[in-house]
Amino acid sequence: MIIECYDGGIVRLADPLDFRKFKLVLHADARRETQSWNGITLLDDRDALVAIDLVPTLAGRPHDASWDQHYAEMVAKAREHGWIDAERHAIRAHIERMP
């Protein structure tokens, strides 16, 4: 599952059925200093926090009950591995930059 971020606050979900990976992709036009993506906090150049409740609201998400169940399982596994920030109710995501 990939969270894609563009300039102007545009955020969408790509590979929504791949529950084995979770990352944030910043496209070339997305500048850190003008970051305005609600529910996403850039921690540094390598990691970000993505609000757990944000992901199901993104464009590109399939609208069926099985997706909800798989997403809940992914969050549970992320919690087991220490990738959940309980205070912020967010999942840690690795950042990749696209040209």
N, C-alpha and C. Protein backbone atom coordinates (compact mmCIF):
# COMPACT_ATOMS: atom_id res chain seq x y z
N MET A 1 0.85 -1.17 0.00
CA MET A 1 0.00 0.00 0.00
C MET A 1 0.89 1.23 0.00
N ILE A 2 0.59 2.13 -0.88
CA ILE A 2 1.41 3.33 -1.03
C ILE A 2 0.51 4.56 -0.87
N ILE A 3 0.94 5.48 -0.04
CA ILE A 3 0.27 6.77 0.10
C ILE A 3 1.05 7.74 -0.78
N GLU A 4 0.43 8.25 -1.82
CA GLU A 4 1.09 9.18 -2.73
C GLU A 4 0.69 10.61 -2.38
N CYS A 5 1.70 11.49 -2.26
CA CYS A 5 1.48 12.89 -1.91
C CYS A 5 1.98 13.79 -3.01
N TYR A 6 1.15 14.75 -3.36
CA TYR A 6 1.46 15.72 -4.39
C TYR A 6 1.34 17.12 -3.82
N ASP A 7 1.86 18.09 -4.53
CA ASP A 7 1.73 19.48 -4.14
C ASP A 7 0.25 19.85 -4.10
N GLY A 8 -0.08 20.80 -3.29
CA GLY A 8 -1.46 21.28 -3.20
C GLY A 8 -2.33 20.45 -2.26
N GLY A 9 -1.70 19.58 -1.46
CA GLY A 9 -2.46 18.80 -0.50
C GLY A 9 -3.13 17.56 -1.06
N ILE A 10 -2.79 17.17 -2.29
CA ILE A 10 -3.40 16.00 -2.91
C ILE A 10 -2.74 14.73 -2.38
N VAL A 11 -3.57 13.81 -1.88
CA VAL A 11 -3.10 12.55 -1.34
C VAL A 11 -4.00 11.45 -1.89
N ARG A 12 -3.39 10.36 -2.36
CA ARG A 12 -4.18 9.25 -2.88
C ARG A 12 -3.52 7.94 -2.52
N LEU A 13 -4.29 6.87 -2.60
CA LEU A 13 -3.82 5.53 -2.26
C LEU A 13 -3.50 4.77 -3.54
N ALA A 14 -2.32 4.17 -3.61
CA ALA A 14 -1.93 3.31 -4.72
C ALA A 14 -1.64 1.92 -4.17
N ASP A 15 -1.75 0.91 -4.98
CA ASP A 15 -1.58 -0.49 -4.55
C ASP A 15 -2.38 -0.77 -3.28
N PRO A 16 -3.67 -0.46 -3.29
CA PRO A 16 -4.46 -0.58 -2.06
C PRO A 16 -4.68 -2.01 -1.57
N LEU A 17 -4.37 -3.00 -2.41
CA LEU A 17 -4.57 -4.38 -2.00
C LEU A 17 -3.28 -5.05 -1.53
N ASP A 18 -2.17 -4.31 -1.55
CA ASP A 18 -0.90 -4.84 -1.06
C ASP A 18 -0.76 -4.46 0.41
N PHE A 19 -1.14 -5.36 1.28
CA PHE A 19 -1.12 -5.09 2.71
C PHE A 19 0.20 -5.48 3.36
N ARG A 20 1.17 -5.89 2.57
CA ARG A 20 2.47 -6.31 3.10
C ARG A 20 3.46 -5.16 3.19
N LYS A 21 3.22 -4.09 2.45
CA LYS A 21 4.12 -2.94 2.51
C LYS A 21 3.30 -1.69 2.78
N PHE A 22 3.93 -0.72 3.37
CA PHE A 22 3.26 0.54 3.67
C PHE A 22 4.29 1.63 3.59
N LYS A 23 4.13 2.53 2.63
CA LYS A 23 5.10 3.62 2.48
C LYS A 23 4.42 4.87 1.97
N LEU A 24 5.15 5.97 2.12
CA LEU A 24 4.69 7.28 1.68
C LEU A 24 5.59 7.72 0.54
N VAL A 25 4.99 8.06 -0.59
CA VAL A 25 5.77 8.51 -1.75
C VAL A 25 5.49 9.99 -1.96
N LEU A 26 6.56 10.78 -1.91
CA LEU A 26 6.47 12.21 -2.18
C LEU A 26 6.88 12.44 -3.63
N HIS A 27 5.98 12.95 -4.42
CA HIS A 27 6.28 13.22 -5.82
C HIS A 27 7.08 14.52 -5.94
N ALA A 28 7.75 14.69 -7.05
CA ALA A 28 8.71 15.79 -7.24
C ALA A 28 8.11 17.15 -6.92
N ASP A 29 6.83 17.33 -7.20
CA ASP A 29 6.23 18.64 -6.96
C ASP A 29 5.83 18.85 -5.50
N ALA A 30 5.96 17.81 -4.68
CA ALA A 30 5.59 17.92 -3.26
C ALA A 30 6.80 18.40 -2.47
N ARG A 31 6.71 19.61 -1.96
CA ARG A 31 7.83 20.17 -1.19
C ARG A 31 7.55 20.09 0.29
N ARG A 32 8.54 19.62 1.02
CA ARG A 32 8.40 19.43 2.47
C ARG A 32 8.02 20.73 3.19
N GLU A 33 8.62 21.83 2.79
CA GLU A 33 8.37 23.08 3.50
C GLU A 33 6.95 23.61 3.30
N THR A 34 6.24 23.11 2.28
CA THR A 34 4.87 23.54 2.06
C THR A 34 3.88 22.41 2.32
N GLN A 35 4.31 21.41 3.07
CA GLN A 35 3.50 20.23 3.35
C GLN A 35 2.17 20.62 3.98
N SER A 36 1.10 20.17 3.35
CA SER A 36 -0.22 20.49 3.87
C SER A 36 -1.16 19.29 3.75
N TRP A 37 -0.64 18.11 4.04
CA TRP A 37 -1.46 16.92 3.95
C TRP A 37 -2.03 16.59 5.32
N ASN A 38 -3.30 16.81 5.49
CA ASN A 38 -3.95 16.53 6.78
C ASN A 38 -3.82 15.05 7.11
N GLY A 39 -3.39 14.76 8.32
CA GLY A 39 -3.27 13.38 8.77
C GLY A 39 -1.91 12.77 8.51
N ILE A 40 -0.98 13.54 7.93
CA ILE A 40 0.37 13.05 7.66
C ILE A 40 1.37 14.00 8.29
N THR A 41 2.28 13.42 9.07
CA THR A 41 3.33 14.20 9.71
C THR A 41 4.68 13.67 9.27
N LEU A 42 5.47 14.52 8.62
CA LEU A 42 6.82 14.13 8.24
C LEU A 42 7.72 14.27 9.46
N LEU A 43 8.31 13.17 9.88
CA LEU A 43 9.19 13.20 11.06
C LEU A 43 10.58 13.67 10.70
N ASP A 44 11.08 13.22 9.57
CA ASP A 44 12.39 13.60 9.06
C ASP A 44 12.40 13.25 7.57
N ASP A 45 13.57 13.15 6.96
CA ASP A 45 13.63 12.85 5.52
C ASP A 45 13.33 11.38 5.20
N ARG A 46 13.28 10.53 6.23
CA ARG A 46 13.11 9.10 5.99
C ARG A 46 11.80 8.51 6.48
N ASP A 47 11.18 9.14 7.47
CA ASP A 47 9.99 8.56 8.09
C ASP A 47 8.87 9.58 8.28
N ALA A 48 7.65 9.05 8.27
CA ALA A 48 6.46 9.88 8.48
C ALA A 48 5.48 9.09 9.32
N LEU A 49 4.52 9.79 9.88
CA LEU A 49 3.39 9.17 10.56
C LEU A 49 2.14 9.46 9.74
N VAL A 50 1.35 8.41 9.49
CA VAL A 50 0.11 8.54 8.73
C VAL A 50 -1.03 8.13 9.66
N ALA A 51 -1.98 9.02 9.84
CA ALA A 51 -3.11 8.74 10.72
C ALA A 51 -3.83 7.47 10.26
N ILE A 52 -4.07 6.57 11.20
CA ILE A 52 -4.74 5.30 10.87
C ILE A 52 -6.10 5.56 10.24
N ASP A 53 -6.82 6.55 10.72
CA ASP A 53 -8.16 6.86 10.20
C ASP A 53 -8.13 7.55 8.84
N LEU A 54 -6.98 8.06 8.43
CA LEU A 54 -6.88 8.74 7.13
C LEU A 54 -6.94 7.76 5.97
N VAL A 55 -6.23 6.66 6.08
CA VAL A 55 -6.06 5.74 4.96
C VAL A 55 -7.39 5.30 4.35
N PRO A 56 -8.38 4.89 5.13
CA PRO A 56 -9.65 4.46 4.53
C PRO A 56 -10.42 5.57 3.81
N THR A 57 -10.03 6.82 4.00
CA THR A 57 -10.75 7.93 3.37
C THR A 57 -10.12 8.37 2.05
N LEU A 58 -8.98 7.80 1.71
CA LEU A 58 -8.23 8.28 0.54
C LEU A 58 -8.81 7.78 -0.78
N ALA A 59 -8.67 8.61 -1.80
CA ALA A 59 -9.03 8.21 -3.16
C ALA A 59 -8.17 7.02 -3.54
N GLY A 60 -8.77 6.06 -4.24
CA GLY A 60 -8.06 4.87 -4.65
C GLY A 60 -8.33 3.67 -3.76
N ARG A 61 -9.04 3.88 -2.67
CA ARG A 61 -9.37 2.79 -1.75
C ARG A 61 -10.56 2.01 -2.28
N PRO A 62 -10.45 0.67 -2.32
CA PRO A 62 -11.60 -0.13 -2.70
C PRO A 62 -12.69 -0.02 -1.63
N HIS A 63 -13.92 -0.03 -2.04
CA HIS A 63 -15.03 0.11 -1.08
C HIS A 63 -15.73 -1.24 -0.88
N ASP A 64 -15.09 -2.09 -0.10
CA ASP A 64 -15.72 -3.35 0.26
C ASP A 64 -15.27 -3.77 1.66
N ALA A 65 -16.07 -4.63 2.27
CA ALA A 65 -15.81 -5.05 3.65
C ALA A 65 -14.52 -5.83 3.79
N SER A 66 -14.13 -6.58 2.77
CA SER A 66 -12.90 -7.36 2.90
C SER A 66 -11.69 -6.44 2.98
N TRP A 67 -11.72 -5.30 2.31
CA TRP A 67 -10.60 -4.35 2.40
C TRP A 67 -10.50 -3.83 3.84
N ASP A 68 -11.63 -3.49 4.42
CA ASP A 68 -11.64 -3.01 5.81
C ASP A 68 -11.01 -4.04 6.75
N GLN A 69 -11.37 -5.30 6.58
CA GLN A 69 -10.84 -6.36 7.44
C GLN A 69 -9.33 -6.51 7.25
N HIS A 70 -8.86 -6.51 6.00
CA HIS A 70 -7.42 -6.65 5.73
C HIS A 70 -6.65 -5.44 6.26
N TYR A 71 -7.23 -4.27 6.16
CA TYR A 71 -6.57 -3.07 6.68
C TYR A 71 -6.45 -3.16 8.21
N ALA A 72 -7.51 -3.59 8.86
CA ALA A 72 -7.48 -3.75 10.32
C ALA A 72 -6.41 -4.77 10.74
N GLU A 73 -6.28 -5.84 9.97
CA GLU A 73 -5.24 -6.84 10.26
C GLU A 73 -3.85 -6.25 10.06
N MET A 74 -3.67 -5.43 9.02
CA MET A 74 -2.39 -4.79 8.77
C MET A 74 -2.02 -3.87 9.94
N VAL A 75 -2.97 -3.10 10.41
CA VAL A 75 -2.73 -2.21 11.54
C VAL A 75 -2.36 -3.01 12.79
N ALA A 76 -3.03 -4.12 13.01
CA ALA A 76 -2.73 -4.97 14.17
C ALA A 76 -1.30 -5.51 14.09
N LYS A 77 -0.89 -5.93 12.91
CA LYS A 77 0.48 -6.43 12.74
C LYS A 77 1.50 -5.30 12.92
N ALA A 78 1.17 -4.12 12.41
CA ALA A 78 2.06 -2.97 12.59
C ALA A 78 2.23 -2.66 14.08
N ARG A 79 1.16 -2.81 14.83
CA ARG A 79 1.20 -2.57 16.28
C ARG A 79 2.14 -3.58 16.95
N GLU A 80 2.05 -4.85 16.53
CA GLU A 80 2.92 -5.90 17.08
C GLU A 80 4.40 -5.59 16.85
N HIS A 81 4.70 -4.95 15.72
CA HIS A 81 6.08 -4.64 15.36
C HIS A 81 6.55 -3.28 15.88
N GLY A 82 5.69 -2.57 16.60
CA GLY A 82 6.06 -1.28 17.17
C GLY A 82 6.00 -0.13 16.18
N TRP A 83 5.23 -0.28 15.11
CA TRP A 83 5.16 0.76 14.08
C TRP A 83 3.97 1.69 14.25
N ILE A 84 3.27 1.55 15.36
CA ILE A 84 2.11 2.41 15.63
C ILE A 84 2.49 3.41 16.72
N ASP A 85 2.21 4.67 16.48
CA ASP A 85 2.35 5.71 17.49
C ASP A 85 0.98 5.83 18.15
N ALA A 86 0.84 5.24 19.34
CA ALA A 86 -0.46 5.19 20.01
C ALA A 86 -0.98 6.57 20.37
N GLU A 87 -0.08 7.46 20.77
CA GLU A 87 -0.49 8.81 21.16
C GLU A 87 -1.10 9.58 19.98
N ARG A 88 -0.52 9.41 18.80
CA ARG A 88 -1.01 10.11 17.61
C ARG A 88 -1.97 9.26 16.78
N HIS A 89 -2.16 8.00 17.19
CA HIS A 89 -3.02 7.07 16.46
C HIS A 89 -2.62 7.04 14.98
N ALA A 90 -1.32 6.74 14.76
CA ALA A 90 -0.76 6.79 13.41
C ALA A 90 0.20 5.63 13.17
N ILE A 91 0.37 5.31 11.89
CA ILE A 91 1.30 4.26 11.46
C ILE A 91 2.57 4.93 10.94
N ARG A 92 3.71 4.38 11.33
CA ARG A 92 4.99 4.85 10.80
C ARG A 92 5.14 4.36 9.37
N ALA A 93 5.54 5.24 8.48
CA ALA A 93 5.74 4.90 7.08
C ALA A 93 7.11 5.39 6.61
N HIS A 94 7.77 4.58 5.83
CA HIS A 94 9.04 4.98 5.21
C HIS A 94 8.70 5.94 4.07
N ILE A 95 9.54 6.96 3.88
CA ILE A 95 9.34 7.94 2.82
C ILE A 95 10.23 7.61 1.63
N GLU A 96 9.64 7.66 0.45
CA GLU A 96 10.39 7.57 -0.80
C GLU A 96 10.06 8.81 -1.62
N ARG A 97 11.04 9.26 -2.38
CA ARG A 97 10.83 10.44 -3.24
C ARG A 97 10.86 10.00 -4.70
N MET A 98 9.91 10.52 -5.47
CA MET A 98 9.83 10.21 -6.90
C MET A 98 10.20 11.46 -7.71
N PRO A 99 10.98 11.25 -8.74
CA PRO A 99 11.34 12.42 -9.59
C PRO A 99 10.15 12.96 -10.35
